[in-house]
Structures are given as structure tokens and as C-alpha cells.
Amino acid sequence: MKKQQRQPHPSALLRKPAALASLAAAALLLTACGGGGDGGGGFGFGGTPPVADTGRGSVVTNPPQQSAKLSSDDFKASLQSSDQGKALLQVAGTPKCGIDMRYLEYRTIGAKNEATNATAAIMVPTGTDVACSGARPVVLYAHGTTAAKNYNLAQWTDSTQPAAGEGLLIAAMFAAQGFIVVAPNYAGYDKSTLPYHPYLDGDQQGKDMVDALTAARKTFSNINATDAGSLFITGYSQGGYVAMAAHREMQATGKAVTASAPLSAPSAISLLTDYSFLGWPALGSTLFVPLLTTSWQQQFGNVYKATSDVYEDQYAPGIDTLLPSLTPVNTLFATGKLPQLALFPANAKPGPVNSQLSIFYGANNLIRQSYLTLTAGDIQSNGCSGNALPATSASLASTTPLDCKPTVGFRQAALANDLRNWVPTRPMLMCGGANDPTVNFVSTRATTGYFLAKGMPPALLSVVDLEDSAAVDAYSNARAGFAQAKSLLAQNTSGSASDKAQAVTLAYHGTLAPPFCLASARGFFQGVLAAGG
């Protein structure tokens, strides 16, 4: 297998050109009809023709096409052929199983309940090891934010595929260790005909995940996949949000979930968007905000009357159809379709903007001053109790964090899509890093604070802060490995102490944290299984 490459994660977008080259190697560790029954009668004289299965969760082609097949030895050899692969082996462990890769197309819905299609990867463990045959647990995996329209986790063995890095990681972490993996590409990506992506639309993304799982299970008997009945849901970054939304959807509709692990999840999305408009933008915001406004405009129709209400004139035309894109992100920046850094005007700088955050303010900015003023004013006048700035312990433990009535459409949509509105009844692990510059860890603290305040038994909720080196528990090795990975990156980065620190900051969310949070999730799932969960 060739050296894996992938489109940069948004957390890597602020690198200087020289830094891009030095960190490229580290980016590896990121990241026909079926299902219908015969209806009870023969299709002949006096019989009833079968009812076609064409609704949500139905399969377009069964069995799903095989996109790759790797033996455990082949997979191990490919990982051992590079320093990056060897590092992944240390975190994920030696592959026990080979992988039969399948490419599934299924039917789901968009933000307005319109019928559409989407695709997913199914990874089936193979081999003679006891972990690789017989009834196996299922991991439903949600991927992170990407601007690449052609993102396809079923093609991760292709080194030119934008999903190569993330696909390799989840294959090594779960499929090669005996879990059946179902990994949707989401509506709006790959060959989906939906002309937009319902980004952080909790209702749609939860349903999309359930539809992919439903469809995948209809094909299991045709691809030698035997479902043991244990279902684990996980994902990282956007995928952490989507994993939590899927757990919420399944709990609400009475579908069994064994446990979930939303990782680095922007689950408290209204808190994070309020932070952005009050002076704490996230790395990658010039991608995140257009994805959000497009998604939430489709969902509610009141984010703007025209894109120029939100965006400067040079960006407004076509921004609502820009992402996801077949054009590489760096090309979008180079051709002026999006600014790389400047979210807000140079002279705006609301809130306690420090020298690091000042990079989000500059010439050729994305968001209009008038819209920034409008939104910041709405936050001040109609603030949400659970989004207090700066966050306090009391606010993070609030039972009514969303008790507010914003007047700006964007904030109304963020409130509607905030996941602090339910309480899990099955075990959950949340993982991230306290210094994450892309998904502020305050989201995890606020969400877990809400769950506990609403009565979730503490024994059902595990929280892993990768920065908490003093903690001694089942996740101590993950924290130690994360600390070592940061140290090695700094050592291998030339330049001043500031340059080394910047390299760690830029790689934090998209490269450094994912394998250690995923390793924590796998250990958590294995513990739940061992306890008979």
C-alpha cells in the first residue's frame, strides 16, 4: 500500500507554507435491490407482488461492491513500511484480522425530509483468529469535517482519496481488531445527489447514521458478516457530534445501543458559535461557518435573506453551494473563494482577543461587520444561561443551558441543533484535549455537566481529557502516548520554541489527538463488552 495522503483537516489550514511540508507526514495519523421481502405470497397466479424497499434505510445495491480485501499480514506489512505506520501500530496494536471492504449505497433524507441517497463503507473482519470470525460487535463510525465532496471511506486504500488517513485509522483501530465497521460518508458527499451537506443538523445526521446502519445490516448475510447484537457508536470532531446525534435518535426510537463514544464533539454547538462571535473563533472557522450557514438555511430557511447579509461581497455569490467541493481547499483559498484566516474585519476584535486569536481578524475577511455586530449584540441581549462567557462550573452544570430566545436566525438554528437536550441511558465516553484549538473542550465539559445535572448516573459517563496527566485510570496510557506524540512533533520541528509550539497547536485536533481518543473509545467498548453490557 502506498504512503497515505489526505486533504488537510481544517485544523491544519493555518500552517505556513513551510510548516505544511514539515507536518505532512504527521497528518497520516489523523485522521440492485435488496431488503424487500416477498410480501407473503408468490408472484404468480393469485399472488401478490413484493413491495419494493425504497424508503429510508433501504439498499440500492445488494450485495455491496467489494472495494478492497486485505489479509492481516498484508495490512501489518504495509503499516510497518513507514514510520507513520509504525506509530499507528503502537497505538492501535498489531492487526489480528484481515479486512473485506465493501461500498454500500443506501437511501436516506436531507434536511427538509427530501429523499436522497448516500454511501458508506462496511469493513468486515476476516481471518482465522478467534476475534475475526463468528458473531462480531458492530461499530457505527462518523467521520470528521471535510470540504472534499468526493470523501469516500470505502476507498481509503487509495492514497489519493481524501478519506485515506481517517479510513486507515479506523480500519486499524476497529476492523483489524475484530469489529464490523459501518462508516457513512453522509448525505451530500461522494455520489449522494443531495446538493448540500446537512452539516451539524442533529436531526438529519442522526437519521442518516441510522439509515446507513439499517441498510448495512440488510446486506450482512450476503457478505459473511455476522452481527453479535452489540452496537457501539463513535466518531471524531464533526463525527463526535454525529455519533451523539445517532445515539439520541436510536434511544428516542427504541433501537438498541450498547455504548457510545463521541470524541472531541462540538455537541454544545450554540456555546461554540457564541464563543466565535464574541472573540474565540476556532481554527478552520472560514470553512465551518459557510458549512453551517448553508446547512441551517436549508433546515430552517431563516439564517439569511441573501448570502450578502452574512458574507462580504467578494465571497457571498455562490458561497451557499461552494462546500463541500471537488476543488481542493488550498485552491479555494488561492483563488479567493474563501479567506484562509480572516473570519472577521481587522478592526472588529470583540472580546479579549489575544495575539493568537488576532489571526482571525484581517483584510479580505469573510463575515461582514454588520452581521458580526448584529450577532454579538444578540448574544449580549439574549444570552443562553449555559453559554456564559467565560464558562463557570455552575453554568456548565445547568439543567437549562438553552433557556434563551435569540432573535438572529443563525443563533436560533445553533440552539435547535445543540445536543444538550437529552440524557443517555447507556454508557458513554467523551474524549478530547483541554487545549484543542478547533473544538474547544468547553463543549465536552458543558455537555457532560448537563447530563450529570439532569440525573445521568456518573457510572455511565466517562470523560477523558488527554491533557490531564495527573489522572490515573484505564486511559492513562492514552494520555501518556498523546503527551509523547506532542513532544516528538515539537522535537522534530525546526525553528524557535514558538515555531515548535505552533506546530503542536496546528496539529493538535486533526493529527495528534484522534488516535488516542479512538484508542480510548476502543478500550471503553471492550470494557463494556467484558462487563456484559
Protein backbone atom coordinates (compact mmCIF):
# COMPACT_ATOMS: atom_id res chain seq x y z
CA MET A 1 0.00 0.00 0.00
CA LYS A 2 1.31 3.41 -0.95
CA LYS A 3 2.04 6.09 1.56
CA GLN A 4 -1.30 7.54 2.63
CA GLN A 5 -2.20 11.12 1.88
CA ARG A 6 -5.29 13.11 2.62
CA GLN A 7 -6.81 16.52 2.17
CA PRO A 8 -5.77 18.70 5.13
CA HIS A 9 -8.12 18.77 8.10
CA PRO A 10 -9.38 22.29 8.91
CA SER A 11 -7.14 22.40 11.96
CA ALA A 12 -4.16 22.27 9.63
CA LEU A 13 -5.27 25.12 7.40
CA LEU A 14 -3.38 27.83 9.22
CA ARG A 15 0.04 26.38 8.59
CA LYS A 16 2.62 28.49 6.89
CA PRO A 17 3.75 27.01 3.55
CA ALA A 18 7.00 25.80 5.10
CA ALA A 19 5.17 24.25 8.01
CA LEU A 20 2.86 22.36 5.66
CA ALA A 21 5.73 20.33 4.29
CA SER A 22 7.24 19.57 7.68
CA LEU A 23 3.94 18.34 9.09
CA ALA A 24 2.67 16.42 6.07
CA ALA A 25 3.98 13.09 7.30
CA ALA A 26 2.36 13.51 10.70
CA ALA A 27 -1.04 14.04 9.08
CA LEU A 28 -1.22 10.32 8.38
CA LEU A 29 -2.32 9.62 11.92
CA LEU A 30 -5.38 11.71 11.70
CA THR A 31 -7.40 11.04 10.57
CA ALA A 32 -29.55 -3.99 -7.48
CA CYS A 33 -32.44 -4.04 -4.91
CA GLY A 34 -32.25 -5.61 -1.54
CA GLY A 35 -34.01 -5.81 1.76
CA GLY A 36 -37.51 -6.18 0.33
CA GLY A 37 -39.46 -9.19 1.35
CA ASP A 38 -41.78 -11.23 -0.79
CA GLY A 39 -44.86 -9.81 0.91
CA GLY A 40 -46.28 -13.19 1.87
CA GLY A 41 -47.47 -14.53 -1.49
CA GLY A 42 -45.84 -15.92 -4.58
CA PHE A 43 -45.57 -13.61 -7.55
CA GLY A 44 -47.79 -15.69 -9.75
CA PHE A 45 -51.45 -16.51 -10.29
CA GLY A 46 -53.35 -15.27 -7.26
CA GLY A 47 -50.14 -14.00 -5.65
CA THR A 48 -49.18 -10.52 -4.50
CA PRO A 49 -46.09 -8.88 -5.99
CA PRO A 50 -43.43 -7.95 -3.43
CA VAL A 51 -43.39 -4.42 -2.13
CA ALA A 52 -40.19 -2.68 -3.19
CA ASP A 53 -37.99 -1.47 -0.34
CA THR A 54 -37.18 2.06 -1.46
CA GLY A 55 -37.60 4.14 1.69
CA ARG A 56 -35.17 5.30 4.36
CA GLY A 57 -32.60 2.69 5.22
CA SER A 58 -33.10 0.69 2.04
CA VAL A 59 -30.23 -0.68 -0.04
CA VAL A 60 -29.56 0.43 -3.60
CA THR A 61 -27.22 -2.48 -4.46
CA ASN A 62 -27.06 -5.75 -2.54
CA PRO A 63 -24.53 -7.20 -2.00
CA PRO A 64 -22.44 -4.04 -1.74
CA GLN A 65 -19.45 -3.95 -4.08
CA GLN A 66 -16.10 -5.16 -2.75
CA SER A 67 -13.65 -2.24 -2.95
CA ALA A 68 -10.61 -3.94 -1.38
CA LYS A 69 -9.55 -7.03 0.52
CA LEU A 70 -6.51 -7.17 2.79
CA SER A 71 -5.13 -10.04 4.85
CA SER A 72 -3.91 -9.27 8.35
CA ASP A 73 -0.34 -9.95 7.22
CA ASP A 74 -0.68 -7.60 4.25
CA PHE A 75 -2.12 -4.89 6.46
CA LYS A 76 0.61 -5.30 9.06
CA ALA A 77 3.36 -5.26 6.41
CA SER A 78 2.00 -2.07 4.88
CA LEU A 79 1.94 -0.35 8.27
CA GLN A 80 5.47 -1.49 9.06
CA SER A 81 6.75 0.00 5.80
CA SER A 82 6.67 3.60 7.09
CA ASP A 83 7.48 5.47 10.29
CA GLN A 84 3.92 6.78 10.38
CA GLY A 85 2.50 3.29 10.03
CA LYS A 86 4.76 2.03 12.80
CA ALA A 87 3.48 4.81 15.06
CA LEU A 88 -0.10 3.80 14.30
CA LEU A 89 0.75 0.18 15.07
CA GLN A 90 1.97 1.23 18.51
CA VAL A 91 -1.36 2.89 19.26
CA ALA A 92 -3.80 0.54 17.52
CA GLY A 93 -1.97 -2.75 18.07
CA THR A 94 -0.93 -5.50 15.64
CA PRO A 95 -3.77 -6.38 13.24
CA LYS A 96 -5.50 -9.60 14.22
CA CYS A 97 -7.82 -9.65 11.22
CA GLY A 98 -7.83 -9.01 7.54
CA ILE A 99 -10.47 -6.66 6.13
CA ASP A 100 -13.11 -7.20 3.46
CA MET A 101 -14.01 -3.67 2.31
CA ARG A 102 -17.49 -3.05 0.90
CA TYR A 103 -19.05 0.00 -0.75
CA LEU A 104 -22.70 0.49 0.23
CA GLU A 105 -25.23 2.83 -1.35
CA TYR A 106 -28.36 3.44 0.70
CA ARG A 107 -31.38 5.73 0.82
CA THR A 108 -31.85 8.46 3.42
CA ILE A 109 -33.22 12.01 3.70
CA GLY A 110 -31.95 15.58 3.62
CA ALA A 111 -32.57 18.48 5.99
CA LYS A 112 -36.09 19.05 4.63
CA ASN A 113 -37.01 15.35 4.70
CA GLU A 114 -36.42 15.15 0.97
CA ALA A 115 -35.48 11.70 -0.29
CA THR A 116 -31.84 11.26 -1.28
CA ASN A 117 -29.08 8.68 -1.39
CA ALA A 118 -25.76 8.35 0.39
CA THR A 119 -22.88 5.89 0.60
CA ALA A 120 -20.91 4.13 3.31
CA ALA A 121 -18.02 1.79 3.92
CA ILE A 122 -18.55 -1.59 5.51
CA MET A 123 -15.40 -3.22 6.88
CA VAL A 124 -15.78 -6.90 7.70
CA PRO A 125 -13.04 -8.65 9.73
CA THR A 126 -11.64 -11.80 8.11
CA GLY A 127 -9.12 -14.45 9.11
CA THR A 128 -8.60 -17.41 11.41
CA ASP A 129 -8.03 -15.56 14.68
CA VAL A 130 -10.88 -16.08 17.12
CA ALA A 131 -11.50 -12.31 17.06
CA CYS A 132 -12.15 -12.31 13.32
CA SER A 133 -14.90 -14.87 12.75
CA GLY A 134 -18.31 -15.72 14.07
CA ALA A 135 -20.65 -13.13 15.55
CA ARG A 136 -18.86 -9.79 15.87
CA PRO A 137 -19.75 -6.45 17.54
CA VAL A 138 -20.58 -3.55 15.23
CA VAL A 139 -19.02 -0.08 15.34
CA LEU A 140 -21.03 2.68 13.66
CA TYR A 141 -18.41 5.33 12.86
CA ALA A 142 -18.97 9.01 11.95
CA HIS A 143 -16.21 10.91 10.16
CA GLY A 144 -14.87 14.39 10.84
CA THR A 145 -15.36 17.64 8.94
CA THR A 146 -14.12 17.66 5.38
CA ALA A 147 -14.52 20.08 2.50
CA ALA A 148 -13.87 17.29 -0.03
CA LYS A 149 -17.06 16.38 -1.91
CA ASN A 150 -15.51 13.06 -3.04
CA TYR A 151 -14.77 11.85 0.50
CA ASN A 152 -15.28 8.08 0.46
CA LEU A 153 -14.23 5.86 3.35
CA ALA A 154 -14.81 2.76 1.24
CA GLN A 155 -11.81 3.79 -0.90
CA TRP A 156 -9.31 4.59 1.86
CA THR A 157 -6.74 2.17 0.41
CA ASP A 158 -6.33 4.63 -2.49
CA SER A 159 -3.62 7.05 -1.36
CA THR A 160 -5.15 9.86 -3.46
CA GLN A 161 -8.53 9.58 -1.73
CA PRO A 162 -9.24 12.41 0.77
CA ALA A 163 -10.51 9.79 3.24
CA ALA A 164 -7.26 7.77 3.13
CA GLY A 165 -5.88 8.90 6.50
CA GLU A 166 -9.08 8.63 8.52
CA GLY A 167 -10.06 5.35 6.85
CA LEU A 168 -6.68 3.81 7.66
CA LEU A 169 -7.02 4.88 11.27
CA ILE A 170 -10.46 3.36 11.85
CA ALA A 171 -9.54 0.21 9.91
CA ALA A 172 -6.50 -0.33 12.15
CA MET A 173 -8.30 0.62 15.34
CA PHE A 174 -11.52 -1.35 14.88
CA ALA A 175 -11.87 -3.61 11.82
CA ALA A 176 -8.40 -5.18 12.19
CA GLN A 177 -9.23 -5.91 15.84
CA GLY A 178 -12.47 -7.76 15.13
CA PHE A 179 -15.21 -5.13 14.93
CA ILE A 180 -17.54 -4.90 11.93
CA VAL A 181 -17.39 -1.22 10.93
CA VAL A 182 -20.16 0.72 9.22
CA ALA A 183 -18.88 4.19 8.27
CA PRO A 184 -21.25 6.50 6.36
CA ASN A 185 -19.91 9.18 4.03
CA TYR A 186 -23.05 11.28 4.78
CA ALA A 187 -25.67 12.82 2.52
CA GLY A 188 -24.09 15.43 0.25
CA TYR A 189 -20.79 13.55 -0.19
CA ASP A 190 -19.43 11.08 -2.70
CA LYS A 191 -22.22 10.00 -5.11
CA SER A 192 -25.05 11.42 -2.99
CA THR A 193 -27.33 13.55 -5.14
CA LEU A 194 -28.16 15.96 -2.31
CA PRO A 195 -26.73 19.32 -3.48
CA TYR A 196 -25.62 20.36 0.02
CA HIS A 197 -24.44 18.67 3.22
CA PRO A 198 -26.63 18.94 6.37
CA TYR A 199 -23.63 19.89 8.50
CA LEU A 200 -24.29 19.68 12.25
CA ASP A 201 -28.01 19.25 11.61
CA GLY A 202 -28.57 16.95 14.57
CA ASP A 203 -31.90 15.54 13.46
CA GLN A 204 -30.84 14.75 9.88
CA GLN A 205 -27.37 13.48 10.74
CA GLY A 206 -28.73 11.17 13.43
CA LYS A 207 -31.26 9.74 10.98
CA ASP A 208 -28.60 9.42 8.24
CA MET A 209 -26.46 7.29 10.54
CA VAL A 210 -29.38 5.08 11.49
CA ASP A 211 -30.33 4.67 7.83
CA ALA A 212 -26.80 3.61 6.93
CA LEU A 213 -26.75 1.05 9.74
CA THR A 214 -30.20 -0.25 8.80
CA ALA A 215 -29.16 -0.68 5.19
CA ALA A 216 -25.81 -2.24 6.07
CA ARG A 217 -27.44 -4.85 8.28
CA LYS A 218 -29.67 -5.89 5.38
CA THR A 219 -26.53 -6.86 3.45
CA PHE A 220 -24.66 -8.67 6.23
CA SER A 221 -25.88 -12.13 5.25
CA ASN A 222 -24.51 -11.61 1.75
CA ILE A 223 -21.02 -10.51 2.81
CA ASN A 224 -20.24 -13.01 5.59
CA ALA A 225 -20.81 -10.51 8.37
CA THR A 226 -22.50 -11.92 11.47
CA ASP A 227 -23.88 -9.31 13.84
CA ALA A 228 -23.39 -10.21 17.51
CA GLY A 229 -26.01 -7.67 18.54
CA SER A 230 -23.61 -5.31 20.31
CA LEU A 231 -23.67 -1.82 18.76
CA PHE A 232 -21.08 0.84 19.53
CA ILE A 233 -21.30 4.35 18.07
CA THR A 234 -18.30 6.64 17.79
CA GLY A 235 -16.81 9.43 15.71
CA TYR A 236 -14.36 12.29 15.97
CA SER A 237 -14.88 16.07 15.68
CA GLN A 238 -17.97 16.56 13.49
CA GLY A 239 -18.19 12.80 13.79
CA GLY A 240 -18.34 13.10 17.57
CA TYR A 241 -21.39 15.33 17.20
CA VAL A 242 -22.94 12.97 14.66
CA ALA A 243 -22.26 9.93 16.86
CA MET A 244 -24.06 11.60 19.75
CA ALA A 245 -26.95 12.60 17.48
CA ALA A 246 -27.19 9.00 16.28
CA HIS A 247 -27.26 7.71 19.87
CA ARG A 248 -30.00 10.23 20.67
CA GLU A 249 -32.01 9.19 17.60
CA MET A 250 -31.73 5.48 18.37
CA GLN A 251 -32.65 5.96 22.03
CA ALA A 252 -35.68 8.05 21.04
CA THR A 253 -36.90 5.42 18.57
CA GLY A 254 -36.30 2.41 20.79
CA LYS A 255 -33.30 0.97 18.93
CA ALA A 256 -30.64 -0.80 20.96
CA VAL A 257 -27.30 0.92 21.61
CA THR A 258 -24.67 -0.84 23.70
CA ALA A 259 -22.49 2.25 24.29
CA SER A 260 -21.22 5.33 22.50
CA ALA A 261 -18.06 7.43 22.43
CA PRO A 262 -18.47 10.94 20.95
CA LEU A 263 -14.91 12.22 20.60
CA SER A 264 -13.90 15.89 20.52
CA ALA A 265 -17.55 16.61 19.82
CA PRO A 266 -18.98 20.11 19.20
CA SER A 267 -22.12 18.85 20.94
CA ALA A 268 -22.71 22.18 22.70
CA ILE A 269 -22.77 23.88 19.32
CA SER A 270 -24.64 27.01 20.40
CA LEU A 271 -21.98 27.61 23.04
CA LEU A 272 -19.21 27.26 20.45
CA THR A 273 -20.84 29.55 17.90
CA ASP A 274 -21.46 32.17 20.59
CA TYR A 275 -17.79 31.89 21.53
CA SER A 276 -16.82 32.52 17.91
CA PHE A 277 -18.87 35.69 17.58
CA LEU A 278 -17.59 37.03 20.91
CA GLY A 279 -13.92 36.67 20.01
CA TRP A 280 -12.91 32.99 20.28
CA PRO A 281 -13.08 31.62 16.71
CA ALA A 282 -11.96 28.06 16.11
CA LEU A 283 -9.18 27.00 13.76
CA GLY A 284 -10.90 26.24 10.47
CA SER A 285 -13.73 28.74 11.02
CA THR A 286 -13.63 30.01 7.44
CA LEU A 287 -14.77 26.53 6.41
CA PHE A 288 -17.03 25.78 9.36
CA VAL A 289 -19.18 28.91 9.13
CA PRO A 290 -20.10 28.51 5.42
CA LEU A 291 -20.90 24.83 6.02
CA LEU A 292 -23.12 25.83 8.94
CA THR A 293 -24.98 28.66 7.24
CA THR A 294 -25.67 26.52 4.16
CA SER A 295 -26.88 23.60 6.27
CA TRP A 296 -29.03 25.59 8.66
CA GLN A 297 -30.50 27.73 5.87
CA GLN A 298 -31.68 24.51 4.23
CA GLN A 299 -33.02 23.28 7.57
CA PHE A 300 -34.86 26.40 8.70
CA GLY A 301 -34.78 28.97 5.88
CA ASN A 302 -34.15 31.95 8.16
CA VAL A 303 -30.38 32.20 8.55
CA TYR A 304 -30.29 34.93 5.89
CA LYS A 305 -32.46 36.50 3.20
CA ALA A 306 -29.40 36.74 0.96
CA THR A 307 -25.89 35.41 1.47
CA SER A 308 -24.67 39.03 1.38
CA ASP A 309 -26.43 39.56 4.71
CA VAL A 310 -23.68 37.46 6.29
CA TYR A 311 -20.73 37.49 3.89
CA GLU A 312 -18.65 40.20 2.26
CA ASP A 313 -19.43 40.90 -1.40
CA GLN A 314 -16.35 39.11 -2.72
CA TYR A 315 -17.45 35.82 -1.11
CA ALA A 316 -21.25 35.99 -0.99
CA PRO A 317 -22.04 34.93 -4.59
CA GLY A 318 -22.15 31.13 -4.69
CA ILE A 319 -20.97 30.53 -1.13
CA ASP A 320 -24.18 28.63 -0.40
CA THR A 321 -23.21 25.99 -2.97
CA LEU A 322 -19.44 26.11 -2.52
CA LEU A 323 -18.98 23.37 0.10
CA PRO A 324 -18.40 20.50 0.01
CA SER A 325 -16.33 20.89 -3.14
CA LEU A 326 -14.38 18.89 -5.69
CA THR A 327 -11.87 21.75 -5.71
CA PRO A 328 -9.05 21.32 -3.17
CA VAL A 329 -9.26 23.63 -0.17
CA ASN A 330 -5.93 25.28 -0.89
CA THR A 331 -7.18 26.13 -4.38
CA LEU A 332 -10.32 27.71 -2.90
CA PHE A 333 -8.04 29.88 -0.77
CA ALA A 334 -5.65 30.68 -3.60
CA THR A 335 -8.44 31.70 -5.98
CA GLY A 336 -10.16 33.92 -3.43
CA LYS A 337 -13.27 31.79 -2.96
CA LEU A 338 -12.59 31.76 0.80
CA PRO A 339 -10.07 33.51 3.04
CA GLN A 340 -7.63 31.23 4.77
CA LEU A 341 -7.62 33.02 8.12
CA ALA A 342 -9.62 36.25 8.26
CA LEU A 343 -13.07 35.45 9.59
CA PHE A 344 -13.80 38.96 10.86
CA PRO A 345 -12.73 42.52 9.92
CA ALA A 346 -9.34 43.67 11.15
CA ASN A 347 -10.76 46.46 13.29
CA ALA A 348 -13.50 44.37 14.93
CA LYS A 349 -11.71 42.29 17.56
CA PRO A 350 -14.57 41.90 20.07
CA GLY A 351 -13.89 40.26 23.41
CA PRO A 352 -10.49 39.52 24.94
CA VAL A 353 -8.68 38.82 21.70
CA ASN A 354 -5.09 37.85 22.37
CA SER A 355 -2.19 37.71 19.94
CA GLN A 356 -3.03 34.15 18.88
CA LEU A 357 -6.68 34.91 18.17
CA SER A 358 -5.81 38.06 16.24
CA ILE A 359 -5.01 35.89 13.20
CA PHE A 360 -8.77 35.56 12.65
CA TYR A 361 -9.11 39.31 12.06
CA GLY A 362 -7.74 40.92 8.92
CA ALA A 363 -8.18 42.22 5.40
CA ASN A 364 -10.39 40.37 2.93
CA ASN A 365 -12.39 38.98 5.82
CA LEU A 366 -15.31 36.59 5.36
CA ILE A 367 -18.03 37.87 7.73
CA ARG A 368 -19.49 41.36 7.39
CA GLN A 369 -19.01 43.80 10.24
CA SER A 370 -22.76 44.46 10.25
CA TYR A 371 -23.54 40.77 10.77
CA LEU A 372 -20.87 40.42 13.45
CA THR A 373 -22.35 43.43 15.27
CA LEU A 374 -25.87 42.04 14.94
CA THR A 375 -24.96 38.60 16.24
CA ALA A 376 -22.70 39.77 19.06
CA GLY A 377 -25.44 42.15 20.16
CA ASP A 378 -27.99 39.34 20.20
CA ILE A 379 -25.66 37.25 22.37
CA GLN A 380 -25.34 40.11 24.83
CA SER A 381 -29.10 40.77 24.90
CA ASN A 382 -30.37 37.20 24.63
CA GLY A 383 -27.58 35.10 26.10
CA CYS A 384 -28.14 31.46 26.99
CA SER A 385 -27.59 30.50 30.62
CA GLY A 386 -25.39 27.54 29.71
CA ASN A 387 -23.22 29.58 27.36
CA ALA A 388 -21.88 32.07 29.90
CA LEU A 389 -18.58 33.64 28.90
CA PRO A 390 -16.27 32.76 30.43
CA ALA A 391 -17.83 29.45 31.38
CA THR A 392 -18.29 28.77 35.08
CA SER A 393 -18.75 25.47 36.87
CA ALA A 394 -22.32 26.44 37.69
CA SER A 395 -23.22 27.23 34.10
CA LEU A 396 -21.67 24.02 32.79
CA ALA A 397 -23.79 22.00 35.21
CA SER A 398 -27.00 23.83 34.31
CA THR A 399 -30.18 21.83 33.81
CA THR A 400 -31.48 24.56 31.48
CA PRO A 401 -28.45 25.62 29.42
CA LEU A 402 -30.59 26.53 26.40
CA ASP A 403 -33.01 28.77 28.28
CA CYS A 404 -32.84 31.75 25.95
CA LYS A 405 -34.66 33.26 22.99
CA PRO A 406 -32.20 34.51 20.36
CA THR A 407 -33.54 36.69 17.58
CA VAL A 408 -30.81 36.04 14.97
CA GLY A 409 -31.60 33.07 12.72
CA PHE A 410 -28.11 31.60 12.92
CA ARG A 411 -28.25 31.52 16.72
CA GLN A 412 -31.77 30.07 16.66
CA ALA A 413 -30.50 27.25 14.44
CA ALA A 414 -27.49 26.65 16.70
CA LEU A 415 -29.82 26.40 19.67
CA ALA A 416 -32.08 23.93 17.86
CA ASN A 417 -29.08 21.76 16.94
CA ASP A 418 -27.40 21.86 20.35
CA LEU A 419 -27.34 18.35 21.81
CA ARG A 420 -27.86 19.43 25.42
CA ASN A 421 -31.50 18.38 25.22
CA TRP A 422 -31.50 14.67 26.10
CA VAL A 423 -29.88 12.28 28.57
CA PRO A 424 -28.23 8.99 27.53
CA THR A 425 -29.39 5.83 29.27
CA ARG A 426 -26.48 3.74 28.01
CA PRO A 427 -22.74 4.10 28.81
CA MET A 428 -20.96 6.98 27.10
CA LEU A 429 -17.33 8.09 26.91
CA MET A 430 -16.32 11.57 25.81
CA CYS A 431 -12.70 12.35 24.95
CA GLY A 432 -10.74 15.38 23.84
CA GLY A 433 -7.96 17.71 24.83
CA ALA A 434 -8.22 20.79 27.04
CA ASN A 435 -6.02 22.80 24.64
CA ASP A 436 -7.83 21.86 21.43
CA PRO A 437 -7.92 24.98 19.22
CA THR A 438 -10.55 23.58 16.83
CA VAL A 439 -13.26 22.11 19.07
CA ASN A 440 -12.97 23.91 22.38
CA PHE A 441 -13.04 21.35 25.21
CA VAL A 442 -15.61 23.53 26.95
CA SER A 443 -18.15 21.80 24.68
CA THR A 444 -17.38 18.45 26.29
CA ARG A 445 -17.40 19.94 29.77
CA ALA A 446 -20.72 21.69 29.15
CA THR A 447 -22.38 18.60 27.68
CA THR A 448 -21.23 16.25 30.42
CA GLY A 449 -22.16 18.87 33.02
CA TYR A 450 -25.67 18.99 31.61
CA PHE A 451 -26.02 15.20 31.53
CA LEU A 452 -24.96 14.89 35.16
CA ALA A 453 -27.15 17.78 36.26
CA LYS A 454 -30.11 16.09 34.59
CA GLY A 455 -29.50 12.91 36.54
CA MET A 456 -27.33 10.70 34.35
CA PRO A 457 -25.61 8.23 36.71
CA PRO A 458 -21.91 9.14 36.94
CA ALA A 459 -21.04 5.45 36.47
CA LEU A 460 -22.45 5.62 32.94
CA LEU A 461 -20.36 8.64 31.89
CA SER A 462 -16.59 8.64 31.36
CA VAL A 463 -14.65 11.78 30.40
CA VAL A 464 -11.07 11.68 29.12
CA ASP A 465 -9.08 14.90 28.95
CA LEU A 466 -5.87 13.95 27.16
CA GLU A 467 -4.12 16.84 28.91
CA ASP A 468 -4.95 15.57 32.40
CA SER A 469 -1.63 13.82 33.04
CA ALA A 470 -2.34 13.52 36.76
CA ALA A 471 -5.32 11.22 36.22
CA VAL A 472 -4.69 7.53 36.91
CA ASP A 473 -7.27 5.26 35.29
CA ALA A 474 -7.85 2.98 32.31
CA TYR A 475 -6.93 5.83 29.94
CA SER A 476 -3.56 6.75 31.45
CA ASN A 477 -1.68 5.09 28.58
CA ALA A 478 -3.61 7.15 26.03
CA ARG A 479 -2.73 10.36 27.87
CA ALA A 480 0.92 9.35 28.08
CA GLY A 481 1.01 8.47 24.38
CA PHE A 482 -0.58 11.80 23.49
CA ALA A 483 1.99 13.69 25.55
CA GLN A 484 4.79 11.77 23.85
CA ALA A 485 3.37 12.47 20.38
CA LYS A 486 3.25 16.20 21.12
CA SER A 487 6.81 16.11 22.41
CA LEU A 488 8.11 14.25 19.36
CA LEU A 489 6.43 16.66 16.98
CA ALA A 490 7.95 19.62 18.78
CA GLN A 491 11.40 17.99 18.74
CA ASN A 492 11.13 17.27 15.01
CA THR A 493 10.05 20.81 14.16
CA SER A 494 12.90 23.17 13.34
CA GLY A 495 12.97 26.76 14.47
CA SER A 496 12.28 28.61 17.68
CA ALA A 497 10.27 27.49 20.69
CA SER A 498 7.40 29.50 19.24
CA ASP A 499 7.63 27.57 15.97
CA LYS A 500 7.56 24.27 17.85
CA ALA A 501 4.56 25.32 19.91
CA GLN A 502 2.77 26.46 16.77
CA ALA A 503 3.38 23.10 15.11
CA VAL A 504 1.76 21.33 18.08
CA THR A 505 -1.18 23.72 18.09
CA LEU A 506 -1.82 23.30 14.38
CA ALA A 507 -1.60 19.50 14.51
CA TYR A 508 -3.48 19.16 17.80
CA HIS A 509 -7.02 18.44 16.64
CA GLY A 510 -6.53 16.84 13.26
CA THR A 511 -3.39 14.76 13.80
CA LEU A 512 -2.32 14.34 17.40
CA ALA A 513 -5.49 13.68 19.38
CA PRO A 514 -7.57 11.36 17.13
CA PRO A 515 -5.64 8.09 17.54
CA PHE A 516 -5.51 8.42 21.31
CA CYS A 517 -9.19 9.28 21.68
CA LEU A 518 -10.07 6.38 19.36
CA ALA A 519 -7.85 4.02 21.36
CA SER A 520 -9.67 5.21 24.48
CA ALA A 521 -13.01 4.54 22.80
CA ARG A 522 -11.99 1.02 21.80
CA GLY A 523 -10.82 0.23 25.31
CA PHE A 524 -14.09 1.61 26.67
CA PHE A 525 -16.12 -0.57 24.29
CA GLN A 526 -14.10 -3.65 25.18
CA GLY A 527 -14.68 -2.92 28.85
CA VAL A 528 -18.44 -2.63 28.29
CA LEU A 529 -18.39 -5.96 26.45
CA ALA A 530 -16.37 -7.62 29.22
CA ALA A 531 -18.89 -6.36 31.77
CA GLY A 532 -21.69 -7.94 29.77
CA GLY A 533 -23.06 -4.64 28.52
